C-alpha atoms as a PDB file:
ATOM      1  CA  MET A   1      87.491 114.749  90.612  1.00  0.00           C
ATOM      2  CA  GLY A   2      87.063 111.057  91.401  1.00  0.00           C
ATOM      3  CA  LYS A   3      84.123 109.527  93.233  1.00  0.00           C
ATOM      4  CA  THR A   4      83.782 106.156  94.896  1.00  0.00           C
ATOM      5  CA  MET A   5      80.431 104.423  95.156  1.00  0.00           C
ATOM      6  CA  THR A   6      79.032 100.939  95.440  1.00  0.00           C
ATOM      7  CA  ALA A   7      76.774  99.392  92.838  1.00  0.00           C
ATOM      8  CA  VAL A   8      75.139  96.049  92.145  1.00  0.00           C
ATOM      9  CA  PHE A   9      75.373  94.365  88.736  1.00  0.00           C
ATOM     10  CA  ASP A  10      72.052  92.728  87.859  1.00  0.00           C
ATOM     11  CA  GLY A  11      73.396  90.808  84.870  1.00  0.00           C
ATOM     12  CA  ARG A  12      72.773  93.681  82.514  1.00  0.00           C
ATOM     13  CA  VAL A  13      73.539  97.045  84.148  1.00  0.00           C
ATOM     14  CA  LEU A  14      75.257  98.441  87.235  1.00  0.00           C
ATOM     15  CA  ARG A  15      72.770  99.942  89.695  1.00  0.00           C
ATOM     16  CA  PRO A  16      74.212 102.373  92.287  1.00  0.00           C
ATOM     17  CA  GLU A  17      73.253 101.570  95.878  1.00  0.00           C
ATOM     18  CA  SER A  18      72.899 105.260  96.754  1.00  0.00           C
ATOM     19  CA  PRO A  19      71.997 108.444  94.840  1.00  0.00           C
ATOM     20  CA  VAL A  20      74.694 109.683  92.468  1.00  0.00           C
ATOM     21  CA  ASP A  21      75.481 113.254  91.490  1.00  0.00           C
ATOM     22  CA  LEU A  22      76.448 112.748  87.845  1.00  0.00           C
ATOM     23  CA  GLU A  23      75.439 114.588  84.679  1.00  0.00           C
ATOM     24  CA  SER A  24      73.220 112.702  82.237  1.00  0.00           C
ATOM     25  CA  ASP A  25      74.570 111.815  78.785  1.00  0.00           C
ATOM     26  CA  THR A  26      78.163 112.262  79.972  1.00  0.00           C
ATOM     27  CA  ARG A  27      80.880 109.646  79.511  1.00  0.00           C
ATOM     28  CA  TYR A  28      82.640 108.411  82.660  1.00  0.00           C
ATOM     29  CA  LEU A  29      85.597 106.107  83.176  1.00  0.00           C
ATOM     30  CA  VAL A  30      84.538 103.338  85.577  1.00  0.00           C
ATOM     31  CA  THR A  31      86.929 101.048  87.449  1.00  0.00           C
ATOM     32  CA  ILE A  32      85.373  97.852  88.807  1.00  0.00           C
ATOM     33  CA  GLU A  33      86.565  96.294  92.075  1.00  0.00           C
ATOM     34  CA  GLU A  34      84.650  93.383  93.588  1.00  0.00           C
ATOM     35  CA  ILE A  35      83.671  93.751  97.234  1.00  0.00           C
ATOM     36  CA  SER A  36      83.739  90.562  99.259  1.00  0.00           C
ATOM     37  CA  PRO A  37      80.466  89.830 101.098  1.00  0.00           C
ATOM     38  CA  ALA A  38      82.257  89.927 104.457  1.00  0.00           C
ATOM     39  CA  SER A  39      83.402  93.531 103.953  1.00  0.00           C
ATOM     40  CA  THR A  40      79.898  94.800 103.201  1.00  0.00           C
ATOM     41  CA  SER A  41      78.447  93.617 106.504  1.00  0.00           C
ATOM     42  CA  LEU A  42      80.970  95.093 108.945  1.00  0.00           C
ATOM     43  CA  ASP A  43      79.633  96.824 112.024  1.00  0.00           C
ATOM     44  CA  ALA A  44      81.270 100.093 113.070  1.00  0.00           C
ATOM     45  CA  TRP A  45      83.778  98.478 115.455  1.00  0.00           C
ATOM     46  CA  ALA A  46      84.846  95.867 112.901  1.00  0.00           C
ATOM     47  CA  LEU A  47      85.327  98.599 110.316  1.00  0.00           C
ATOM     48  CA  LEU A  48      87.462 100.652 112.700  1.00  0.00           C
ATOM     49  CA  GLU A  49      89.538  97.601 113.621  1.00  0.00           C
ATOM     50  CA  SER A  50      90.127  96.920 109.920  1.00  0.00           C
ATOM     51  CA  LEU A  51      91.621 100.416 109.587  1.00  0.00           C
ATOM     52  CA  ILE A  52      94.134 100.052 112.442  1.00  0.00           C
ATOM     53  CA  GLY A  53      97.637 100.688 111.166  1.00  0.00           C
ATOM     54  CA  THR A  54      96.555 102.272 107.882  1.00  0.00           C
ATOM     55  CA  ILE A  55      97.633 105.787 108.881  1.00  0.00           C
ATOM     56  CA  GLU A  56     101.299 106.585 109.313  1.00  0.00           C
ATOM     57  CA  ALA A  57     101.928 109.004 112.146  1.00  0.00           C
ATOM     58  CA  PRO A  58     104.474 109.663 114.875  1.00  0.00           C
ATOM     59  CA  GLU A  59     104.358 107.219 117.799  1.00  0.00           C
ATOM     60  CA  ASP A  60     103.406 110.059 120.169  1.00  0.00           C
ATOM     61  CA  TRP A  61     100.546 111.248 117.978  1.00  0.00           C
ATOM     62  CA  ALA A  62      97.836 110.697 120.581  1.00  0.00           C
ATOM     63  CA  SER A  63      99.816 111.848 123.627  1.00  0.00           C
ATOM     64  CA  GLU A  64     100.708 115.182 122.010  1.00  0.00           C
ATOM     65  CA  HIS A  65      97.393 115.718 120.222  1.00  0.00           C
ATOM     66  CA  GLY A  66      96.631 119.020 121.973  1.00  0.00           C
ATOM     67  CA  SER A  67     100.074 120.468 121.245  1.00  0.00           C
ATOM     68  CA  ARG A  68      99.969 119.356 117.629  1.00  0.00           C
ATOM     69  CA  MET A  69      96.535 120.925 117.131  1.00  0.00           C
ATOM     70  CA  LYS A  70      97.959 124.242 118.363  1.00  0.00           C
ATOM     71  CA  GLY A  71     101.043 123.885 116.147  1.00  0.00           C
ATOM     72  CA  GLN A  72     103.273 123.443 119.180  1.00  0.00           C
ATOM     73  CA  ALA A  73     104.424 119.873 118.664  1.00  0.00           C
ATOM     74  CA  ASN A  74     107.622 119.079 120.522  1.00  0.00           C
ATOM     75  CA  ASP A  75     109.454 116.942 117.961  1.00  0.00           C
ATOM     76  CA  ARG A  76     111.831 114.352 119.377  1.00  0.00           C
ATOM     77  CA  GLY A  77     115.426 115.320 119.007  1.00  0.00           C
ATOM     78  CA  SER A  78     114.560 119.001 118.939  1.00  0.00           C
ATOM     79  CA  SER A  79     116.670 121.274 121.122  1.00  0.00           C
ATOM     80  CA  ASP A  80     113.642 123.510 121.755  1.00  0.00           C
ATOM     81  CA  SER A  81     112.550 123.082 125.386  1.00  0.00           C
ATOM     82  CA  SER A  82     109.214 124.959 125.164  1.00  0.00           C
END
């Protein structure tokens, strides 16, 4: 199972910015991706705005939320009139 975490490189070692749940003396494959300074200081609204358009869903997703949650979505083009 993969985990994603942030860490800071101090010139010698990577130091996680939060506690990690990893076993000692175990080898792990680590992929490094640099985080731009701007992305680390986003407030909640800026973060949410950055995620707009990242989820693909039907255009009526919000308007039929209640029906979809009950499994009663009325798909467009369906001949079912319920």
